[in-house]
């Protein structure tokens, strides 16, 4: 989570608003606050997608790294503000609480329906209709490293498959306690 983190030699590029001190202070005006929350939602999703982060531990992210604190302008969000932003992501279908204390959240970079569309495009592109796959090979297999869903949290991926199952395009099964799928 440090600002030195890079992917393929490139650090995450923060949007210009990140260097604007009022961005780190929740605004009183409702319309301004809603715009601010939407910018934070987009930033959190972009950042976690860039680094393939599936889970946020609020205490850790509140005190370390650069997502919720900009040291160059001496600004940071409080734990309560981060919780509030996670609630915004939950309302948009981009997060869910992992624990009852609301101290850890699973980030879902896209809505489940968007993910289901992406996975189905992959199935069609690879001609996988009628093919049986393990969930592990889909999200961790070497041949899928370039797929957007590569590295997605397994629980999220199962929810994506449930969407496809509801659409009649997949059947989820368990073999030896491990999940698999047959695409229709």
C-alpha atoms as a PDB file:
ATOM      1  CA  UNK A   1       0.000   0.000   0.000  1.00  0.00           C
ATOM      2  CA  UNK A   2       2.920   2.366   0.050  1.00  0.00           C
ATOM      3  CA  UNK A   3       3.136   5.053  -2.563  1.00  0.00           C
ATOM      4  CA  UNK A   4       6.094   3.166  -4.023  1.00  0.00           C
ATOM      5  CA  UNK A   5       3.860   0.308  -5.216  1.00  0.00           C
ATOM      6  CA  UNK A   6       4.025  -0.206  -8.949  1.00  0.00           C
ATOM      7  CA  UNK A   7       2.422  -2.466 -11.514  1.00  0.00           C
ATOM      8  CA  UNK A   8       4.587  -3.282 -14.532  1.00  0.00           C
ATOM      9  CA  UNK A   9       6.969  -0.536 -13.416  1.00  0.00           C
ATOM     10  CA  UNK A  10       4.226   2.087 -13.291  1.00  0.00           C
ATOM     11  CA  UNK A  11       2.779   3.610 -10.110  1.00  0.00           C
ATOM     12  CA  UNK A  12      -0.928   4.338  -9.847  1.00  0.00           C
ATOM     13  CA  UNK A  13      -1.746   7.743 -11.303  1.00  0.00           C
ATOM     14  CA  UNK A  14      -4.021   9.687  -8.983  1.00  0.00           C
ATOM     15  CA  UNK A  15      -6.514  12.106 -10.549  1.00  0.00           C
ATOM     16  CA  UNK A  16      -5.825  15.841 -10.127  1.00  0.00           C
ATOM     17  CA  UNK A  17      -8.629  16.178  -7.527  1.00  0.00           C
ATOM     18  CA  UNK A  18      -6.506  14.033  -5.170  1.00  0.00           C
ATOM     19  CA  UNK A  19      -4.164  17.011  -4.719  1.00  0.00           C
ATOM     20  CA  UNK A  20      -7.002  19.413  -3.866  1.00  0.00           C
ATOM     21  CA  UNK A  21      -7.188  19.684  -0.040  1.00  0.00           C
ATOM     22  CA  UNK A  22     -11.020  20.052   0.157  1.00  0.00           C
ATOM     23  CA  UNK A  23     -11.330  16.618  -1.484  1.00  0.00           C
ATOM     24  CA  UNK A  24     -10.317  15.165   1.912  1.00  0.00           C
ATOM     25  CA  UNK A  25     -12.969  17.163   3.797  1.00  0.00           C
ATOM     26  CA  UNK A  26     -16.552  15.980   3.395  1.00  0.00           C
ATOM     27  CA  UNK A  27     -18.590  18.837   2.018  1.00  0.00           C
ATOM     28  CA  UNK A  28     -21.762  20.165   3.671  1.00  0.00           C
ATOM     29  CA  UNK A  29     -23.739  20.921   0.507  1.00  0.00           C
ATOM     30  CA  UNK A  30     -25.649  17.754  -0.450  1.00  0.00           C
ATOM     31  CA  UNK A  31     -25.070  18.080  -4.211  1.00  0.00           C
ATOM     32  CA  UNK A  32     -21.363  18.818  -3.719  1.00  0.00           C
ATOM     33  CA  UNK A  33     -21.057  15.950  -1.250  1.00  0.00           C
ATOM     34  CA  UNK A  34     -22.685  13.520  -3.704  1.00  0.00           C
ATOM     35  CA  UNK A  35     -20.247  14.564  -6.442  1.00  0.00           C
ATOM     36  CA  UNK A  36     -17.368  14.203  -3.993  1.00  0.00           C
ATOM     37  CA  UNK A  37     -18.531  10.717  -2.953  1.00  0.00           C
ATOM     38  CA  UNK A  38     -18.801   9.679  -6.598  1.00  0.00           C
ATOM     39  CA  UNK A  39     -15.226  10.875  -7.239  1.00  0.00           C
ATOM     40  CA  UNK A  40     -14.041   8.892  -4.200  1.00  0.00           C
ATOM     41  CA  UNK A  41     -15.992   5.825  -5.399  1.00  0.00           C
ATOM     42  CA  UNK A  42     -14.306   6.030  -8.796  1.00  0.00           C
ATOM     43  CA  UNK A  43     -10.888   6.554  -7.183  1.00  0.00           C
ATOM     44  CA  UNK A  44     -11.258   3.596  -4.801  1.00  0.00           C
ATOM     45  CA  UNK A  45     -12.381   1.314  -7.624  1.00  0.00           C
ATOM     46  CA  UNK A  46      -9.593   2.482  -9.957  1.00  0.00           C
ATOM     47  CA  UNK A  47      -6.931   2.129  -7.260  1.00  0.00           C
ATOM     48  CA  UNK A  48      -8.034  -1.320  -6.096  1.00  0.00           C
ATOM     49  CA  UNK A  49      -8.435  -2.562  -9.682  1.00  0.00           C
ATOM     50  CA  UNK A  50      -4.970  -1.242 -10.619  1.00  0.00           C
ATOM     51  CA  UNK A  51      -3.334  -3.064  -7.701  1.00  0.00           C
ATOM     52  CA  UNK A  52      -5.765  -6.038  -7.854  1.00  0.00           C
ATOM     53  CA  UNK A  53      -6.797  -5.408  -4.241  1.00  0.00           C
ATOM     54  CA  UNK A  54      -9.934  -7.359  -3.377  1.00  0.00           C
ATOM     55  CA  UNK A  55     -10.208  -6.499   0.293  1.00  0.00           C
ATOM     56  CA  UNK A  56      -9.724  -3.345   2.319  1.00  0.00           C
ATOM     57  CA  UNK A  57      -8.906  -3.498   6.004  1.00  0.00           C
ATOM     58  CA  UNK A  58     -10.059  -0.045   7.054  1.00  0.00           C
ATOM     59  CA  UNK A  59      -7.606   0.345   9.945  1.00  0.00           C
ATOM     60  CA  UNK A  60      -4.664  -0.592   7.762  1.00  0.00           C
ATOM     61  CA  UNK A  61      -5.740   1.624   4.868  1.00  0.00           C
ATOM     62  CA  UNK A  62      -6.529   4.528   7.222  1.00  0.00           C
ATOM     63  CA  UNK A  63      -3.007   4.455   8.656  1.00  0.00           C
ATOM     64  CA  UNK A  64      -0.836   3.224   5.797  1.00  0.00           C
ATOM     65  CA  UNK A  65      -0.485   3.751   2.105  1.00  0.00           C
ATOM     66  CA  UNK A  66      -1.652   6.567  -0.052  1.00  0.00           C
ATOM     67  CA  UNK A  67      -5.254   5.831  -1.032  1.00  0.00           C
ATOM     68  CA  UNK A  68      -6.852   7.696   1.867  1.00  0.00           C
ATOM     69  CA  UNK A  69      -4.002  10.030   2.737  1.00  0.00           C
ATOM     70  CA  UNK A  70      -2.027  12.445   0.639  1.00  0.00           C
ATOM     71  CA  UNK A  71       1.138  13.311   2.523  1.00  0.00           C
ATOM     72  CA  UNK A  72       2.192  15.940  -0.015  1.00  0.00           C
ATOM     73  CA  UNK A  73      -0.762  18.147   1.007  1.00  0.00           C
ATOM     74  CA  UNK A  74      -0.938  16.834   4.587  1.00  0.00           C
ATOM     75  CA  UNK A  75      -4.488  15.497   4.256  1.00  0.00           C
ATOM     76  CA  UNK A  76      -6.069  12.185   5.213  1.00  0.00           C
ATOM     77  CA  UNK A  77      -9.506  10.701   5.738  1.00  0.00           C
ATOM     78  CA  UNK A  78     -10.653   9.506   9.136  1.00  0.00           C
ATOM     79  CA  UNK A  79     -11.701   5.928   9.788  1.00  0.00           C
ATOM     80  CA  UNK A  80     -15.354   7.068   9.939  1.00  0.00           C
ATOM     81  CA  UNK A  81     -15.032   8.849   6.582  1.00  0.00           C
ATOM     82  CA  UNK A  82     -13.577   5.710   5.002  1.00  0.00           C
ATOM     83  CA  UNK A  83     -16.473   3.664   6.418  1.00  0.00           C
ATOM     84  CA  UNK A  84     -18.878   6.192   4.937  1.00  0.00           C
ATOM     85  CA  UNK A  85     -17.221   5.867   1.522  1.00  0.00           C
ATOM     86  CA  UNK A  86     -17.425   2.071   1.707  1.00  0.00           C
ATOM     87  CA  UNK A  87     -21.177   2.501   2.290  1.00  0.00           C
ATOM     88  CA  UNK A  88     -21.286   4.517  -0.950  1.00  0.00           C
ATOM     89  CA  UNK A  89     -19.570   1.636  -2.746  1.00  0.00           C
ATOM     90  CA  UNK A  90     -22.005  -0.839  -1.183  1.00  0.00           C
ATOM     91  CA  UNK A  91     -24.965   1.230  -2.383  1.00  0.00           C
ATOM     92  CA  UNK A  92     -23.580   1.130  -5.936  1.00  0.00           C
ATOM     93  CA  UNK A  93     -22.908  -2.625  -5.810  1.00  0.00           C
ATOM     94  CA  UNK A  94     -19.132  -2.198  -5.676  1.00  0.00           C
ATOM     95  CA  UNK A  95     -18.443  -3.449  -2.147  1.00  0.00           C
ATOM     96  CA  UNK A  96     -19.737  -5.534   0.711  1.00  0.00           C
ATOM     97  CA  UNK A  97     -18.807  -5.774   4.352  1.00  0.00           C
ATOM     98  CA  UNK A  98     -16.841  -8.906   5.237  1.00  0.00           C
ATOM     99  CA  UNK A  99     -17.351  -8.650   8.992  1.00  0.00           C
ATOM    100  CA  UNK A 100     -20.052  -7.487  11.402  1.00  0.00           C
ATOM    101  CA  UNK A 101     -17.807  -4.746  12.812  1.00  0.00           C
ATOM    102  CA  UNK A 102     -17.577  -3.120   9.363  1.00  0.00           C
ATOM    103  CA  UNK A 103     -13.819  -3.015   9.626  1.00  0.00           C
ATOM    104  CA  UNK A 104     -13.123  -4.983   6.418  1.00  0.00           C
ATOM    105  CA  UNK A 105     -14.760  -4.673   3.035  1.00  0.00           C
ATOM    106  CA  UNK A 106     -14.589  -6.697  -0.145  1.00  0.00           C
ATOM    107  CA  UNK A 107     -14.240  -4.396  -3.134  1.00  0.00           C
ATOM    108  CA  UNK A 108     -16.058  -5.394  -6.303  1.00  0.00           C
ATOM    109  CA  UNK A 109     -14.463  -3.433  -9.132  1.00  0.00           C
ATOM    110  CA  UNK A 110     -17.517  -3.871 -11.337  1.00  0.00           C
ATOM    111  CA  UNK A 111     -21.108  -4.755 -10.546  1.00  0.00           C
ATOM    112  CA  UNK A 112     -21.903  -8.457 -10.652  1.00  0.00           C
ATOM    113  CA  UNK A 113     -23.918  -7.997 -13.856  1.00  0.00           C
ATOM    114  CA  UNK A 114     -21.000  -6.203 -15.528  1.00  0.00           C
ATOM    115  CA  UNK A 115     -18.651  -8.980 -14.419  1.00  0.00           C
ATOM    116  CA  UNK A 116     -21.068 -11.635 -15.679  1.00  0.00           C
ATOM    117  CA  UNK A 117     -21.083  -9.964 -19.105  1.00  0.00           C
ATOM    118  CA  UNK A 118     -17.260  -9.920 -19.162  1.00  0.00           C
ATOM    119  CA  UNK A 119     -16.993 -13.578 -18.150  1.00  0.00           C
ATOM    120  CA  UNK A 120     -19.606 -14.577 -20.736  1.00  0.00           C
ATOM    121  CA  UNK A 121     -17.702 -12.692 -23.468  1.00  0.00           C
ATOM    122  CA  UNK A 122     -14.625 -14.680 -22.394  1.00  0.00           C
ATOM    123  CA  UNK A 123     -16.594 -17.954 -22.619  1.00  0.00           C
ATOM    124  CA  UNK A 124     -17.808 -17.097 -26.110  1.00  0.00           C
ATOM    125  CA  UNK A 125     -14.372 -15.902 -27.263  1.00  0.00           C
ATOM    126  CA  UNK A 126     -12.753 -19.118 -26.018  1.00  0.00           C
ATOM    127  CA  UNK A 127     -15.636 -21.309 -27.252  1.00  0.00           C
ATOM    128  CA  UNK A 128     -16.114 -22.670 -23.721  1.00  0.00           C
ATOM    129  CA  UNK A 129     -19.829 -23.446 -24.059  1.00  0.00           C
ATOM    130  CA  UNK A 130     -20.221 -26.997 -22.741  1.00  0.00           C
ATOM    131  CA  UNK A 131     -16.775 -26.875 -21.103  1.00  0.00           C
ATOM    132  CA  UNK A 132     -16.180 -27.653 -17.410  1.00  0.00           C
ATOM    133  CA  UNK A 133     -13.676 -25.455 -15.551  1.00  0.00           C
ATOM    134  CA  UNK A 134     -12.582 -25.079 -11.960  1.00  0.00           C
ATOM    135  CA  UNK A 135     -13.044 -21.657 -10.440  1.00  0.00           C
ATOM    136  CA  UNK A 136      -9.377 -21.705  -9.486  1.00  0.00           C
ATOM    137  CA  UNK A 137      -8.186 -22.149 -13.078  1.00  0.00           C
ATOM    138  CA  UNK A 138     -10.462 -19.348 -14.265  1.00  0.00           C
ATOM    139  CA  UNK A 139      -9.249 -16.764 -11.763  1.00  0.00           C
ATOM    140  CA  UNK A 140      -5.663 -17.959 -11.296  1.00  0.00           C
ATOM    141  CA  UNK A 141      -4.784 -19.922 -14.446  1.00  0.00           C
ATOM    142  CA  UNK A 142      -1.719 -18.855 -16.419  1.00  0.00           C
ATOM    143  CA  UNK A 143      -3.734 -18.709 -19.642  1.00  0.00           C
ATOM    144  CA  UNK A 144      -6.034 -16.105 -18.095  1.00  0.00           C
ATOM    145  CA  UNK A 145      -3.442 -13.644 -16.789  1.00  0.00           C
ATOM    146  CA  UNK A 146      -4.546 -11.054 -19.341  1.00  0.00           C
ATOM    147  CA  UNK A 147      -8.249 -11.394 -18.519  1.00  0.00           C
ATOM    148  CA  UNK A 148      -9.801  -8.621 -16.481  1.00  0.00           C
ATOM    149  CA  UNK A 149     -11.259 -11.119 -14.000  1.00  0.00           C
ATOM    150  CA  UNK A 150      -7.836 -12.682 -13.314  1.00  0.00           C
ATOM    151  CA  UNK A 151      -7.173 -12.493  -9.572  1.00  0.00           C
ATOM    152  CA  UNK A 152     -10.742 -11.574  -8.608  1.00  0.00           C
ATOM    153  CA  UNK A 153     -11.714 -12.761  -5.142  1.00  0.00           C
ATOM    154  CA  UNK A 154     -13.125 -16.312  -5.283  1.00  0.00           C
ATOM    155  CA  UNK A 155     -16.282 -15.403  -3.336  1.00  0.00           C
ATOM    156  CA  UNK A 156     -16.971 -12.573  -5.783  1.00  0.00           C
ATOM    157  CA  UNK A 157     -16.307 -14.866  -8.736  1.00  0.00           C
ATOM    158  CA  UNK A 158     -18.817 -17.380  -7.385  1.00  0.00           C
ATOM    159  CA  UNK A 159     -21.393 -14.584  -7.193  1.00  0.00           C
ATOM    160  CA  UNK A 160     -20.579 -13.707 -10.814  1.00  0.00           C
ATOM    161  CA  UNK A 161     -21.157 -17.326 -11.775  1.00  0.00           C
ATOM    162  CA  UNK A 162     -24.459 -17.276  -9.870  1.00  0.00           C
ATOM    163  CA  UNK A 163     -25.565 -14.405 -12.109  1.00  0.00           C
ATOM    164  CA  UNK A 164     -24.627 -16.480 -15.155  1.00  0.00           C
ATOM    165  CA  UNK A 165     -26.421 -19.458 -13.634  1.00  0.00           C
ATOM    166  CA  UNK A 166     -29.571 -17.364 -13.168  1.00  0.00           C
ATOM    167  CA  UNK A 167     -29.296 -16.390 -16.840  1.00  0.00           C
ATOM    168  CA  UNK A 168     -29.132 -20.088 -17.779  1.00  0.00           C
ATOM    169  CA  UNK A 169     -25.548 -19.794 -19.043  1.00  0.00           C
ATOM    170  CA  UNK A 170     -23.699 -21.731 -16.328  1.00  0.00           C
ATOM    171  CA  UNK A 171     -24.104 -24.506 -13.778  1.00  0.00           C
ATOM    172  CA  UNK A 172     -22.026 -24.319 -10.604  1.00  0.00           C
ATOM    173  CA  UNK A 173     -20.979 -27.567  -8.924  1.00  0.00           C
ATOM    174  CA  UNK A 174     -18.645 -28.689  -6.154  1.00  0.00           C
ATOM    175  CA  UNK A 175     -16.201 -31.561  -6.459  1.00  0.00           C
ATOM    176  CA  UNK A 176     -14.259 -32.443  -3.320  1.00  0.00           C
ATOM    177  CA  UNK A 177     -15.365 -29.149  -1.781  1.00  0.00           C
ATOM    178  CA  UNK A 178     -13.871 -27.120  -4.634  1.00  0.00           C
ATOM    179  CA  UNK A 179     -16.136 -25.092  -6.913  1.00  0.00           C
ATOM    180  CA  UNK A 180     -16.366 -25.617 -10.630  1.00  0.00           C
ATOM    181  CA  UNK A 181     -18.630 -24.506 -13.443  1.00  0.00           C
ATOM    182  CA  UNK A 182     -20.002 -25.876 -16.650  1.00  0.00           C
ATOM    183  CA  UNK A 183     -20.854 -23.183 -19.157  1.00  0.00           C
ATOM    184  CA  UNK A 184     -23.973 -23.677 -21.244  1.00  0.00           C
END
